Amino acid sequence: MTKIKKFIFHSMLCIAWIPISVVLANSVDQEVDIMLTQDADISAGKSLFLSVCAACHNKDLSGATGFNLKDGEWIHGSKPSDIINNINNGFAKAGMPGFKETFSQQQIKQVTAYILSKREGWDNLTYKIYQLDSNLDKLHTSILDDLQPIKVGKAAKNMADFTLPEIKDYALVFEGDFYQPYPQPSKIETSFPPTIFVETELDGEVESNFRGKLNLKHGKQRLKITLMTTDKLLRDKDRGKGKANLSLLVTSKGKRKLFGASTRGVVAMNGNQLNVKVDEQPIIQRKRILDLPPFSIAVGLKEKMNYAFNAKDCSISGVWSGDLLNIGPNVKNRGSDNSLILGSWLFYAPEAITPMVSRCRYVKYNKQGNPSFYFTADGVDYKLEGTAVGSQTLQLKYTVLANPPKNKTLTLSVPPADKININASSGKITGSKLIIDLSRSPQFTLDINAVGAE
């Protein structure tokens, strides 16, 4: 037998020994990866998740009686094939049933794709620690080419911990898959003194002049972070203050902190949590809120339908379903960061329900019972009250209190029909306008349905 024939023969034997389960798992993993790019599959997976899985894992996948499905801690495997297997077979002792007899494999793959589309942060995260020469005068990653790591491993809970090295002169390299599930532009932010060297690599593109901000891509990417430091190069004021313990935070517009990507970053996120939730009585909050105009006053209802009234232009500047607000960033950062809604937007400024008038003057609000707002628009006095109709609909009731100029109509701008479902008790919505005949309807309502919330 020739050498070439022997090589082919032995190669075929090696292939034959690959377990068929591994081949099938790889095929399923690839199929779900493709689903991650298909809006129809993600939408179908979301619908099934909300109807079946959200009760235990929460609507935002953050966990309740069941595990958090957004973070990097996956006890039973994080590959698509692992998740599918877990959904199929369940965990009877933990109270989770198996669903392989209830739903088709296509549906279970779609749910898996939806779950993975919401993943935050690291996966398959590994680390390497190198001992550096204490006499180095300059730090750069090429130094590592001739070195062998003194320690390697998998990061606990898929979280970057920059306190791992127990030596003074070292390089620490984290590398893994990184998920950024939010569609808006985002970045990793951190800070460190100039005597510490940090280099990042995103999908093979090296940022050798990294200064604390790295633009992320939407979805899954490959991220590598190298930190190098020596005791000799550190300034005295940087010693013993944890300056090499990077606080990695993923942020978006308005410095909104989305999630932590290092152990210190997670602590920073948790330290900014000061949640305001409604139990029975409605709550009014006059705090700056991300995505809303500065004069917005937030109202939370026990049915978890919330809205904001803008005292500047007398508009409904935002409506969201879920809990009310996390005011922690606003309070603990002395107002430098905006409060965050604890739910899902139906709409928010510049999309708003706004009286199209030449002049609007906010008068007051009444927080007794169900909150109501009083304002004057082009000389007509109005009262506006928001109530929840079940857990899916917010009803806005406008009442004309006085109409000295005898204005015949009121025109309201409303969000586009493809953004939100609005029904008016009188008048007709045409495009982005609702015209009310005040002579016939001194009181009218707008029903805003939560179906289709972001």
Protein backbone atom coordinates (compact mmCIF):
# COMPACT_ATOMS: atom_id res chain seq x y z
CA MET A 1 0.00 0.00 0.00
CA THR A 2 1.41 3.38 -1.00
CA LYS A 3 1.97 6.15 1.59
CA ILE A 4 -0.88 8.20 0.13
CA LYS A 5 -3.31 5.27 0.31
CA LYS A 6 -2.20 4.52 3.90
CA PHE A 7 -2.78 8.16 4.85
CA ILE A 8 -6.29 8.16 3.35
CA PHE A 9 -7.11 4.83 5.01
CA HIS A 10 -6.00 5.99 8.47
CA SER A 11 -7.82 9.33 8.03
CA MET A 12 -11.07 7.51 7.25
CA LEU A 13 -10.61 5.34 10.34
CA CYS A 14 -10.19 8.48 12.49
CA ILE A 15 -13.34 10.01 11.02
CA ALA A 16 -15.25 6.80 11.64
CA TRP A 17 -14.38 6.97 15.33
CA ILE A 18 -16.01 10.41 15.77
CA PRO A 19 -19.20 9.78 17.78
CA ILE A 20 -22.34 10.35 15.74
CA SER A 21 -23.76 12.39 18.66
CA VAL A 22 -20.93 14.93 18.24
CA VAL A 23 -21.64 15.24 14.51
CA LEU A 24 -25.36 15.75 15.16
CA ALA A 25 -24.69 18.30 17.92
CA ASN A 26 -22.41 20.31 15.64
CA SER A 27 -25.08 20.25 12.94
CA VAL A 28 -27.74 21.49 15.37
CA ASP A 29 -25.41 24.20 16.68
CA GLN A 30 -24.84 25.47 13.14
CA GLU A 31 -28.58 25.40 12.39
CA VAL A 32 -29.41 27.49 15.47
CA ASP A 33 -26.58 29.91 14.65
CA ILE A 34 -28.29 30.52 11.29
CA MET A 35 -31.64 31.00 13.06
CA LEU A 36 -30.03 33.76 15.11
CA THR A 37 -29.89 35.83 11.92
CA GLN A 38 -33.51 35.16 10.92
CA ASP A 39 -36.14 37.57 12.29
CA ALA A 40 -38.98 35.12 11.71
CA ASP A 41 -37.31 32.39 13.82
CA ILE A 42 -36.45 34.84 16.62
CA SER A 43 -40.02 36.18 16.63
CA ALA A 44 -41.51 32.66 16.78
CA GLY A 45 -39.09 31.71 19.57
CA LYS A 46 -39.97 34.86 21.53
CA SER A 47 -43.70 34.16 21.29
CA LEU A 48 -43.29 30.61 22.60
CA PHE A 49 -40.89 31.71 25.33
CA LEU A 50 -43.27 34.39 26.63
CA SER A 51 -46.22 31.98 26.70
CA VAL A 52 -44.41 28.99 28.24
CA CYS A 53 -41.03 29.86 29.76
CA ALA A 54 -41.38 33.42 31.08
CA ALA A 55 -43.35 32.35 34.18
CA CYS A 56 -40.23 30.67 35.60
CA HIS A 57 -37.40 32.52 33.84
CA ASN A 58 -38.99 36.01 33.72
CA LYS A 59 -40.02 37.92 30.58
CA ASP A 60 -36.57 39.51 30.29
CA LEU A 61 -34.84 36.13 30.90
CA SER A 62 -33.27 37.42 34.13
CA GLY A 63 -34.54 34.45 36.16
CA ALA A 64 -37.19 33.86 38.81
CA THR A 65 -37.83 30.33 40.08
CA GLY A 66 -35.77 29.23 37.06
CA PHE A 67 -32.22 30.21 36.14
CA ASN A 68 -31.10 33.52 34.66
CA LEU A 69 -30.81 32.80 30.92
CA LYS A 70 -28.99 36.01 29.97
CA ASP A 71 -25.76 35.76 31.93
CA GLY A 72 -22.70 33.57 31.44
CA GLU A 73 -23.39 31.00 34.16
CA TRP A 74 -24.66 27.86 32.43
CA ILE A 75 -24.50 24.79 34.65
CA HIS A 76 -25.84 22.37 32.03
CA GLY A 77 -23.99 23.69 28.96
CA SER A 78 -24.40 26.83 26.87
CA LYS A 79 -24.12 25.46 23.32
CA PRO A 80 -27.36 25.42 21.30
CA SER A 81 -27.39 21.61 21.33
CA ASP A 82 -27.02 21.65 25.15
CA ILE A 83 -29.93 24.07 25.57
CA ILE A 84 -32.12 22.06 23.19
CA ASN A 85 -31.36 18.89 25.12
CA ASN A 86 -32.25 20.63 28.41
CA ILE A 87 -35.57 21.89 27.02
CA ASN A 88 -36.38 18.48 25.54
CA ASN A 89 -35.71 16.48 28.70
CA GLY A 90 -36.24 19.04 31.47
CA PHE A 91 -35.07 18.67 35.06
CA ALA A 92 -37.77 16.88 37.00
CA LYS A 93 -36.08 17.30 40.39
CA ALA A 94 -35.82 21.06 39.82
CA GLY A 95 -39.44 21.33 38.74
CA MET A 96 -38.82 21.87 35.02
CA PRO A 97 -40.76 19.53 32.72
CA GLY A 98 -39.44 18.23 29.43
CA PHE A 99 -41.05 19.65 26.30
CA LYS A 100 -40.01 17.23 23.57
CA GLU A 101 -43.49 15.71 23.45
CA THR A 102 -45.22 19.10 23.63
CA PHE A 103 -43.46 21.10 20.91
CA SER A 104 -41.77 20.27 17.65
CA GLN A 105 -37.99 20.29 17.38
CA GLN A 106 -38.28 23.29 15.07
CA GLN A 107 -40.12 25.21 17.79
CA ILE A 108 -37.57 24.22 20.43
CA LYS A 109 -34.73 25.35 18.16
CA GLN A 110 -36.50 28.68 17.68
CA VAL A 111 -36.85 29.13 21.46
CA THR A 112 -33.16 28.31 21.80
CA ALA A 113 -32.27 30.88 19.16
CA TYR A 114 -34.36 33.50 20.97
CA ILE A 115 -32.65 32.72 24.29
CA LEU A 116 -29.21 33.03 22.71
CA SER A 117 -30.23 36.29 21.03
CA LYS A 118 -30.67 37.75 24.53
CA ARG A 119 -27.35 36.54 25.94
CA GLU A 120 -25.25 39.20 27.67
CA GLY A 121 -21.49 39.11 27.99
CA TRP A 122 -18.94 36.33 27.87
CA ASP A 123 -19.18 32.67 26.91
CA ASN A 124 -16.44 30.02 26.71
CA LEU A 125 -14.20 32.52 28.51
CA THR A 126 -10.63 31.39 29.19
CA TYR A 127 -7.69 33.13 30.84
CA LYS A 128 -3.89 32.94 30.71
CA ILE A 129 -1.48 34.43 33.24
CA TYR A 130 2.15 35.17 32.32
CA GLN A 131 5.08 36.07 34.57
CA LEU A 132 6.79 39.22 33.25
CA ASP A 133 10.35 40.44 33.73
CA SER A 134 10.22 43.02 36.51
CA ASN A 135 12.88 45.12 34.72
CA LEU A 136 10.83 45.76 31.58
CA ASP A 137 10.91 49.39 30.45
CA LYS A 138 7.97 49.13 28.04
CA LEU A 139 4.94 46.85 27.78
CA HIS A 140 3.56 45.39 24.55
CA THR A 141 1.91 42.09 23.62
CA SER A 142 4.80 40.86 21.46
CA ILE A 143 6.62 40.14 24.74
CA LEU A 144 4.24 37.21 25.25
CA ASP A 145 5.30 35.51 22.01
CA ASP A 146 8.36 34.01 23.72
CA LEU A 147 6.67 33.20 27.03
CA GLN A 148 4.66 30.28 28.31
CA PRO A 149 1.74 31.03 30.63
CA ILE A 150 2.22 30.04 34.26
CA LYS A 151 -1.49 29.41 34.67
CA VAL A 152 -4.41 28.79 32.31
CA GLY A 153 -8.05 27.98 32.94
CA LYS A 154 -11.73 28.65 32.36
CA ALA A 155 -13.12 31.77 33.97
CA ALA A 156 -15.60 31.07 36.78
CA LYS A 157 -19.17 31.85 35.74
CA ASN A 158 -17.85 33.17 32.40
CA MET A 159 -16.88 36.44 34.07
CA ALA A 160 -13.60 38.33 33.70
CA ASP A 161 -11.93 38.65 37.12
CA PHE A 162 -8.87 40.90 36.94
CA THR A 163 -7.81 40.02 40.49
CA LEU A 164 -6.72 36.50 39.47
CA PRO A 165 -2.93 37.11 39.32
CA GLU A 166 -1.11 36.70 42.63
CA ILE A 167 2.14 38.24 41.40
CA LYS A 168 3.18 41.86 40.83
CA ASP A 169 4.66 41.58 37.34
CA TYR A 170 2.24 39.87 35.01
CA ALA A 171 0.15 39.75 31.87
CA LEU A 172 -3.45 38.56 32.06
CA VAL A 173 -5.26 37.53 28.88
CA PHE A 174 -9.01 36.91 28.70
CA GLU A 175 -10.49 35.50 25.49
CA GLY A 176 -13.94 34.19 24.61
CA ASP A 177 -17.17 34.72 22.74
CA PHE A 178 -18.97 37.92 23.68
CA TYR A 179 -22.70 38.59 23.24
CA GLN A 180 -24.19 42.07 22.90
CA PRO A 181 -27.97 41.57 22.46
CA TYR A 182 -29.11 45.18 22.20
CA PRO A 183 -29.77 46.67 18.73
CA GLN A 184 -28.63 50.18 19.67
CA PRO A 185 -24.91 51.09 19.29
CA SER A 186 -22.96 50.13 22.39
CA LYS A 187 -19.43 49.95 23.73
CA ILE A 188 -17.31 48.49 26.51
CA GLU A 189 -16.07 51.22 28.82
CA THR A 190 -13.40 51.11 31.51
CA SER A 191 -10.59 53.24 32.90
CA PHE A 192 -7.03 52.57 33.99
CA PRO A 193 -3.84 54.58 34.61
CA PRO A 194 -1.37 55.07 31.72
CA THR A 195 1.23 52.90 33.46
CA ILE A 196 -1.00 49.85 32.88
CA PHE A 197 -1.06 48.46 29.35
CA VAL A 198 -4.39 47.20 27.94
CA GLU A 199 -4.97 45.90 24.41
CA THR A 200 -8.25 44.62 22.95
CA GLU A 201 -8.96 42.44 19.93
CA LEU A 202 -12.46 42.20 18.48
CA ASP A 203 -13.06 39.55 15.80
CA GLY A 204 -9.36 39.64 14.97
CA GLU A 205 -9.11 43.44 14.78
CA VAL A 206 -6.53 44.70 17.28
CA GLU A 207 -7.04 47.99 19.12
CA SER A 208 -3.46 48.54 20.24
CA ASN A 209 -4.12 52.13 21.34
CA PHE A 210 -7.03 51.22 23.61
CA ARG A 211 -7.98 54.09 25.89
CA GLY A 212 -11.00 52.73 27.68
CA LYS A 213 -13.77 52.55 25.06
CA LEU A 214 -14.37 49.79 22.52
CA ASN A 215 -17.31 49.84 20.09
CA LEU A 216 -19.15 46.51 20.09
CA LYS A 217 -21.04 44.76 17.34
CA HIS A 218 -24.62 43.58 17.73
CA GLY A 219 -24.82 39.87 18.49
CA LYS A 220 -21.99 37.38 18.91
CA GLN A 221 -18.34 38.34 18.50
CA ARG A 222 -14.90 37.15 19.56
CA LEU A 223 -13.25 39.33 22.19
CA LYS A 224 -9.74 39.25 23.64
CA ILE A 225 -8.47 41.58 26.36
CA THR A 226 -4.82 41.66 27.44
CA LEU A 227 -3.71 43.55 30.56
CA MET A 228 -0.01 43.95 31.42
CA THR A 229 1.59 45.60 34.44
CA THR A 230 4.85 45.58 36.40
CA ASP A 231 5.58 46.97 39.83
CA LYS A 232 8.51 48.99 38.45
CA LEU A 233 6.38 50.87 35.90
CA LEU A 234 3.49 51.66 38.26
CA ARG A 235 3.34 55.13 39.73
CA ASP A 236 3.25 55.33 43.52
CA LYS A 237 -0.31 56.69 43.49
CA ASP A 238 -1.45 53.64 41.48
CA ARG A 239 -0.16 51.04 43.91
CA GLY A 240 -2.53 49.12 46.14
CA LYS A 241 -5.68 50.82 44.84
CA GLY A 242 -6.97 48.10 42.57
CA LYS A 243 -6.32 50.15 39.42
CA ALA A 244 -5.63 46.94 37.49
CA ASN A 245 -8.99 45.50 38.53
CA LEU A 246 -10.89 46.76 35.49
CA SER A 247 -14.56 47.60 35.80
CA LEU A 248 -15.84 46.57 32.36
CA LEU A 249 -19.27 48.04 31.66
CA VAL A 250 -21.28 47.75 28.45
CA THR A 251 -23.00 51.09 27.82
CA SER A 252 -25.20 52.71 25.18
CA LYS A 253 -26.57 56.17 24.35
CA GLY A 254 -26.64 58.57 27.27
CA LYS A 255 -24.09 56.42 29.13
CA ARG A 256 -26.83 53.93 29.86
CA LYS A 257 -25.21 51.01 31.66
CA LEU A 258 -26.51 47.80 30.07
CA PHE A 259 -24.53 45.13 31.95
CA GLY A 260 -21.22 44.38 33.63
CA ALA A 261 -18.57 42.32 31.85
CA SER A 262 -16.14 41.88 34.74
CA THR A 263 -16.59 41.01 38.42
CA ARG A 264 -15.98 44.64 39.38
CA GLY A 265 -18.35 45.81 36.63
CA VAL A 266 -21.14 43.63 38.01
CA VAL A 267 -20.62 45.11 41.47
CA ALA A 268 -20.82 48.60 39.96
CA MET A 269 -24.08 47.70 38.21
CA ASN A 270 -25.61 46.23 41.37
CA GLY A 271 -24.56 49.30 43.33
CA ASN A 272 -26.68 51.46 41.04
CA GLN A 273 -29.90 49.53 41.64
CA LEU A 274 -32.59 51.43 43.49
CA ASN A 275 -35.82 50.09 42.09
CA VAL A 276 -39.18 51.82 42.50
CA LYS A 277 -42.06 49.38 42.05
CA VAL A 278 -45.79 49.87 42.51
CA ASP A 279 -47.64 47.66 44.99
CA GLU A 280 -51.14 49.11 45.34
CA GLN A 281 -51.28 52.89 45.12
CA PRO A 282 -50.01 54.70 41.99
CA ILE A 283 -46.60 56.36 42.32
CA ILE A 284 -45.35 59.61 40.79
CA GLN A 285 -41.62 60.09 40.21
CA ARG A 286 -40.02 63.38 39.17
CA LYS A 287 -36.61 62.03 38.15
CA ARG A 288 -34.66 62.35 34.93
CA ILE A 289 -35.32 59.27 32.79
CA LEU A 290 -33.20 57.97 29.95
CA ASP A 291 -34.86 58.45 26.52
CA LEU A 292 -37.41 60.96 27.89
CA PRO A 293 -37.36 64.79 27.83
CA PRO A 294 -36.10 66.51 31.02
CA PHE A 295 -39.55 67.75 32.14
CA SER A 296 -41.18 64.30 32.11
CA ILE A 297 -43.10 63.20 35.21
CA ALA A 298 -43.43 59.42 35.53
CA VAL A 299 -46.59 57.67 36.76
CA GLY A 300 -46.57 54.01 37.78
CA LEU A 301 -49.76 51.95 38.09
CA LYS A 302 -50.18 48.68 39.97
CA GLU A 303 -51.25 46.94 36.76
CA LYS A 304 -47.68 47.59 35.48
CA MET A 305 -48.74 50.04 32.80
CA ASN A 306 -46.76 53.26 33.19
CA TYR A 307 -46.57 56.59 31.42
CA ALA A 308 -44.79 59.94 31.55
CA PHE A 309 -46.35 63.41 31.22
CA ASN A 310 -44.09 66.12 29.82
CA ALA A 311 -44.80 69.38 31.67
CA LYS A 312 -43.03 71.38 28.95
CA ASP A 313 -45.37 70.58 26.03
CA CYS A 314 -48.25 68.76 27.84
CA SER A 315 -47.51 65.53 25.97
CA ILE A 316 -47.48 61.88 26.93
CA SER A 317 -43.77 61.49 26.27
CA GLY A 318 -43.54 57.76 26.93
CA VAL A 319 -45.50 54.63 27.82
CA TRP A 320 -44.02 51.34 29.02
CA SER A 321 -45.19 48.05 30.49
CA GLY A 322 -43.54 46.35 33.45
CA ASP A 323 -42.23 47.82 36.69
CA LEU A 324 -41.66 51.54 37.11
CA LEU A 325 -38.06 52.81 37.45
CA ASN A 326 -34.55 52.11 38.62
CA ILE A 327 -33.66 55.54 40.02
CA GLY A 328 -30.30 54.33 41.34
CA PRO A 329 -28.11 55.88 38.59
CA ASN A 330 -29.84 59.23 39.11
CA VAL A 331 -29.68 59.19 42.92
CA LYS A 332 -26.33 57.52 43.58
CA ASN A 333 -24.49 59.35 40.82
CA ARG A 334 -25.89 62.71 41.97
CA GLY A 335 -28.06 63.10 38.89
CA SER A 336 -25.23 62.57 36.38
CA ASP A 337 -26.91 59.42 35.04
CA ASN A 338 -30.57 59.06 34.09
CA SER A 339 -33.05 56.74 35.76
CA LEU A 340 -33.98 53.62 33.78
CA ILE A 341 -37.38 52.12 33.12
CA LEU A 342 -37.96 48.62 34.51
CA GLY A 343 -39.93 47.27 31.60
CA SER A 344 -40.51 47.47 27.85
CA TRP A 345 -41.25 50.63 25.87
CA LEU A 346 -44.47 50.95 23.90
CA PHE A 347 -43.18 54.29 22.65
CA TYR A 348 -41.02 57.17 23.83
CA ALA A 349 -39.98 60.64 22.66
CA PRO A 350 -39.76 61.96 20.03
CA GLU A 351 -42.76 59.70 19.39
CA ALA A 352 -45.42 61.09 21.74
CA ILE A 353 -49.08 62.03 22.15
CA THR A 354 -48.85 65.81 21.92
CA PRO A 355 -51.46 68.61 21.68
CA MET A 356 -50.69 70.45 18.44
CA VAL A 357 -51.22 73.96 19.81
CA SER A 358 -49.37 77.27 19.72
CA ARG A 359 -49.08 77.48 23.50
CA CYS A 360 -49.40 74.97 26.31
CA ARG A 361 -49.08 75.75 30.01
CA TYR A 362 -48.76 73.07 32.66
CA VAL A 363 -50.78 73.95 35.78
CA LYS A 364 -50.41 71.17 38.37
CA TYR A 365 -50.84 67.50 39.09
CA ASN A 366 -52.98 65.79 41.69
CA LYS A 367 -51.52 62.65 43.22
CA GLN A 368 -54.51 61.81 45.41
CA GLY A 369 -56.10 58.54 44.27
CA ASN A 370 -55.40 58.08 40.58
CA PRO A 371 -52.91 60.80 39.49
CA SER A 372 -54.22 63.47 37.14
CA PHE A 373 -52.59 66.39 35.31
CA TYR A 374 -54.04 69.82 34.64
CA PHE A 375 -52.93 72.03 31.75
CA THR A 376 -54.11 74.81 29.46
CA ALA A 377 -53.70 74.52 25.69
CA ASP A 378 -54.55 77.55 23.54
CA GLY A 379 -56.81 78.86 26.31
CA VAL A 380 -58.72 75.61 26.89
CA ASP A 381 -58.39 74.00 30.33
CA TYR A 382 -57.90 70.21 30.40
CA LYS A 383 -57.62 67.43 32.90
CA LEU A 384 -55.71 64.28 31.91
CA GLU A 385 -55.92 61.03 33.83
CA GLY A 386 -54.30 57.67 33.05
CA THR A 387 -55.78 54.35 34.17
CA ALA A 388 -54.97 50.75 33.35
CA VAL A 389 -57.51 48.47 31.72
CA GLY A 390 -56.12 45.12 32.76
CA SER A 391 -52.41 44.51 32.31
CA GLN A 392 -52.24 45.22 28.59
CA THR A 393 -53.92 48.58 28.03
CA LEU A 394 -53.37 52.12 29.28
CA GLN A 395 -56.39 54.42 28.95
CA LEU A 396 -55.83 58.16 28.79
CA LYS A 397 -58.94 60.22 29.62
CA TYR A 398 -58.99 63.89 28.54
CA THR A 399 -61.67 66.16 30.02
CA VAL A 400 -62.35 69.76 28.96
CA LEU A 401 -62.83 71.79 32.16
CA ALA A 402 -63.32 75.19 30.52
CA ASN A 403 -63.26 76.49 26.96
CA PRO A 404 -63.41 80.31 27.06
CA PRO A 405 -62.21 80.79 23.45
CA LYS A 406 -64.80 78.21 22.31
CA ASN A 407 -62.22 76.26 20.32
CA LYS A 408 -63.98 73.73 18.13
CA THR A 409 -61.26 71.11 17.73
CA LEU A 410 -58.13 69.70 19.34
CA THR A 411 -55.50 67.97 17.24
CA LEU A 412 -53.15 65.47 18.88
CA SER A 413 -50.08 63.99 17.25
CA VAL A 414 -49.87 60.26 17.91
CA PRO A 415 -47.18 57.60 17.28
CA PRO A 416 -47.43 55.88 13.87
CA ALA A 417 -49.88 52.98 13.63
CA ASP A 418 -47.06 50.54 12.87
CA LYS A 419 -45.45 51.41 16.21
CA ILE A 420 -48.37 51.19 18.62
CA ASN A 421 -52.04 50.22 18.68
CA ILE A 422 -54.16 53.25 19.70
CA ASN A 423 -57.97 53.41 19.72
CA ALA A 424 -59.84 56.69 20.29
CA SER A 425 -63.37 56.95 21.69
CA SER A 426 -64.10 59.86 19.33
CA GLY A 427 -62.46 61.53 16.39
CA LYS A 428 -60.45 59.74 13.74
CA ILE A 429 -56.78 58.91 13.58
CA THR A 430 -55.32 59.73 10.18
CA GLY A 431 -51.65 58.95 9.83
CA SER A 432 -50.02 60.52 12.87
CA LYS A 433 -52.89 62.87 13.81
CA LEU A 434 -56.06 62.57 15.85
CA ILE A 435 -58.63 65.38 15.47
CA ILE A 436 -61.22 65.74 18.24
CA ASP A 437 -64.46 67.73 17.86
CA LEU A 438 -64.59 69.46 21.27
CA SER A 439 -68.19 70.61 20.80
CA ARG A 440 -69.32 67.00 20.56
CA SER A 441 -66.69 65.36 22.75
CA PRO A 442 -65.68 67.47 25.76
CA GLN A 443 -64.44 64.18 27.21
CA PHE A 444 -62.65 61.52 25.19
CA THR A 445 -60.30 58.58 25.77
CA LEU A 446 -57.34 56.97 24.06
CA ASP A 447 -56.65 53.27 24.63
CA ILE A 448 -53.00 52.30 24.19
CA ASN A 449 -52.44 48.56 23.84
CA ALA A 450 -49.22 46.91 25.03
CA VAL A 451 -49.15 44.32 22.23
CA GLY A 452 -45.95 44.84 20.28
CA ALA A 453 -43.94 46.39 23.11
CA GLU A 454 -40.17 46.44 22.50
